[in-house]
Structures are given as structure tokens and as C-alpha cells.
Amino acid sequence: MLQCSRPGCGWQAFAPSAAAAREQYLIHLVEAHATDVDAEIPDGMVQVHVGDGEWMTVSFDEATELHELKQSTDVSTRQRERD
């Protein structure tokens, strides 16, 4: 089951397939967690928050990799805290 990774967000996908769940998730992220900014962002690029007031402009694939890396780091940290 696909769930939103944002702290405090309880959103979950309800879809007939993994592809449909991912599409729902992307729509949820934009509707619930995206912020409009007054910045020139090239087509095909997105901005990701990487720290205290710090943003990076990256491709969608790079943003996905950064998100997956953060998720795996967060899981490892939580697992170490339990041990």
C-alpha cells in the first residue's frame, strides 16, 4: 500500500494497481504539499527542499532518487533507534 511519506500526513492510495496508486500519490503531493513560488524553473525540472530554507532545482528523476535515498536513510535511522 502506498502512503504519503510527509510527516503527519495520513494519506493512502486506494487504487487497482501499483501504477494507478503512484499516479494518485503524485496528484496528492501536488494538491496537498506543493507550494507555488515566483522563480524561473526550466521545463522538466522541479525544486526540492533539502534543508533549512535551501532548495535544489533537479530533474524529476533526480528528485525521485533523492526522495528514495531519504526514505531509506529514515528507515535505517528508525531501525537503529529501536535496537
C-alpha atoms as a PDB file:
ATOM      1  CA  MET A   1       0.000   0.000   0.000  1.00  0.00           C
ATOM      2  CA  LEU A   2       1.332   3.414  -0.956  1.00  0.00           C
ATOM      3  CA  GLN A   3       1.250   6.025   1.820  1.00  0.00           C
ATOM      4  CA  CYS A   4       2.339   9.634   1.919  1.00  0.00           C
ATOM      5  CA  SER A   5       5.808   9.996   3.396  1.00  0.00           C
ATOM      6  CA  ARG A   6       5.245  13.534   4.664  1.00  0.00           C
ATOM      7  CA  PRO A   7       5.305  13.737   8.477  1.00  0.00           C
ATOM      8  CA  GLY A   8       1.814  13.948   9.925  1.00  0.00           C
ATOM      9  CA  CYS A   9       0.051  13.124   6.647  1.00  0.00           C
ATOM     10  CA  GLY A  10      -2.218  10.081   6.746  1.00  0.00           C
ATOM     11  CA  TRP A  11      -2.990   9.884   3.019  1.00  0.00           C
ATOM     12  CA  GLN A  12      -3.052   6.382   1.470  1.00  0.00           C
ATOM     13  CA  ALA A  13      -3.610   5.257  -2.090  1.00  0.00           C
ATOM     14  CA  PHE A  14      -6.740   3.314  -2.936  1.00  0.00           C
ATOM     15  CA  ALA A  15      -6.125   2.006  -6.431  1.00  0.00           C
ATOM     16  CA  PRO A  16      -6.452  -1.186  -8.504  1.00  0.00           C
ATOM     17  CA  SER A  17      -2.771  -1.272  -9.492  1.00  0.00           C
ATOM     18  CA  ALA A  18       0.658  -0.008  -8.458  1.00  0.00           C
ATOM     19  CA  ALA A  19       0.731   2.358 -11.435  1.00  0.00           C
ATOM     20  CA  ALA A  20      -2.653   3.827 -10.506  1.00  0.00           C
ATOM     21  CA  ALA A  21      -1.538   4.205  -6.876  1.00  0.00           C
ATOM     22  CA  ARG A  22       1.596   6.060  -7.955  1.00  0.00           C
ATOM     23  CA  GLU A  23      -0.496   8.395 -10.130  1.00  0.00           C
ATOM     24  CA  GLN A  24      -2.802   9.085  -7.166  1.00  0.00           C
ATOM     25  CA  TYR A  25       0.241   9.745  -4.986  1.00  0.00           C
ATOM     26  CA  LEU A  26       1.722  12.241  -7.431  1.00  0.00           C
ATOM     27  CA  ILE A  27      -1.591  14.088  -7.631  1.00  0.00           C
ATOM     28  CA  HIS A  28      -1.840  14.083  -3.813  1.00  0.00           C
ATOM     29  CA  LEU A  29       1.673  15.504  -3.457  1.00  0.00           C
ATOM     30  CA  VAL A  30       0.909  18.395  -5.769  1.00  0.00           C
ATOM     31  CA  GLU A  31      -2.523  19.147  -4.287  1.00  0.00           C
ATOM     32  CA  ALA A  32      -1.582  18.783  -0.609  1.00  0.00           C
ATOM     33  CA  HIS A  33       2.111  19.558  -0.327  1.00  0.00           C
ATOM     34  CA  ALA A  34       3.237  21.696  -3.272  1.00  0.00           C
ATOM     35  CA  THR A  35       3.859  25.415  -2.961  1.00  0.00           C
ATOM     36  CA  ASP A  36       3.848  27.944  -5.778  1.00  0.00           C
ATOM     37  CA  VAL A  37       6.984  30.046  -5.961  1.00  0.00           C
ATOM     38  CA  ASP A  38       7.993  33.039  -8.019  1.00  0.00           C
ATOM     39  CA  ALA A  39      11.067  31.507  -9.648  1.00  0.00           C
ATOM     40  CA  GLU A  40      12.268  30.595 -13.098  1.00  0.00           C
ATOM     41  CA  ILE A  41      12.360  26.799 -13.185  1.00  0.00           C
ATOM     42  CA  PRO A  42      13.305  25.234 -16.527  1.00  0.00           C
ATOM     43  CA  ASP A  43      10.818  22.883 -18.199  1.00  0.00           C
ATOM     44  CA  GLY A  44      11.231  19.315 -16.997  1.00  0.00           C
ATOM     45  CA  MET A  45      12.781  20.394 -13.712  1.00  0.00           C
ATOM     46  CA  VAL A  46      11.396  20.584 -10.177  1.00  0.00           C
ATOM     47  CA  GLN A  47      12.568  22.148  -6.942  1.00  0.00           C
ATOM     48  CA  VAL A  48      13.107  20.034  -3.834  1.00  0.00           C
ATOM     49  CA  HIS A  49      13.582  21.226  -0.277  1.00  0.00           C
ATOM     50  CA  VAL A  50      16.931  19.951   1.009  1.00  0.00           C
ATOM     51  CA  GLY A  51      17.373  21.814   4.266  1.00  0.00           C
ATOM     52  CA  ASP A  52      16.661  24.920   6.279  1.00  0.00           C
ATOM     53  CA  GLY A  53      15.361  27.227   3.580  1.00  0.00           C
ATOM     54  CA  GLU A  54      17.569  25.526   0.974  1.00  0.00           C
ATOM     55  CA  TRP A  55      16.160  24.319  -2.356  1.00  0.00           C
ATOM     56  CA  MET A  56      17.682  22.499  -5.330  1.00  0.00           C
ATOM     57  CA  THR A  57      16.472  22.535  -8.922  1.00  0.00           C
ATOM     58  CA  VAL A  58      16.727  18.999 -10.304  1.00  0.00           C
ATOM     59  CA  SER A  59      15.098  16.731 -12.859  1.00  0.00           C
ATOM     60  CA  PHE A  60      12.097  14.630 -11.833  1.00  0.00           C
ATOM     61  CA  ASP A  61      14.296  11.501 -11.862  1.00  0.00           C
ATOM     62  CA  GLU A  62      16.871  13.142  -9.593  1.00  0.00           C
ATOM     63  CA  ALA A  63      14.090  14.257  -7.236  1.00  0.00           C
ATOM     64  CA  THR A  64      12.795  10.686  -7.122  1.00  0.00           C
ATOM     65  CA  GLU A  65      16.291   9.384  -6.308  1.00  0.00           C
ATOM     66  CA  LEU A  66      16.726  11.992  -3.553  1.00  0.00           C
ATOM     67  CA  HIS A  67      13.357  11.037  -2.079  1.00  0.00           C
ATOM     68  CA  GLU A  68      14.156   7.311  -2.159  1.00  0.00           C
ATOM     69  CA  LEU A  69      17.558   7.943  -0.566  1.00  0.00           C
ATOM     70  CA  LYS A  70      15.942   9.991   2.199  1.00  0.00           C
ATOM     71  CA  GLN A  71      13.330   7.284   2.770  1.00  0.00           C
ATOM     72  CA  SER A  72      15.966   4.541   3.089  1.00  0.00           C
ATOM     73  CA  THR A  73      18.034   6.737   5.425  1.00  0.00           C
ATOM     74  CA  ASP A  74      14.972   7.483   7.579  1.00  0.00           C
ATOM     75  CA  VAL A  75      14.103   3.769   7.801  1.00  0.00           C
ATOM     76  CA  SER A  76      17.689   2.890   8.775  1.00  0.00           C
ATOM     77  CA  THR A  77      17.711   5.597  11.441  1.00  0.00           C
ATOM     78  CA  ARG A  78      14.396   4.426  12.933  1.00  0.00           C
ATOM     79  CA  GLN A  79      15.617   0.821  12.928  1.00  0.00           C
ATOM     80  CA  ARG A  80      18.840   1.756  14.757  1.00  0.00           C
ATOM     81  CA  GLU A  81      16.823   3.727  17.316  1.00  0.00           C
ATOM     82  CA  ARG A  82      14.708   0.632  18.064  1.00  0.00           C
ATOM     83  CA  ASP A  83      17.756  -1.619  18.508  1.00  0.00           C
END
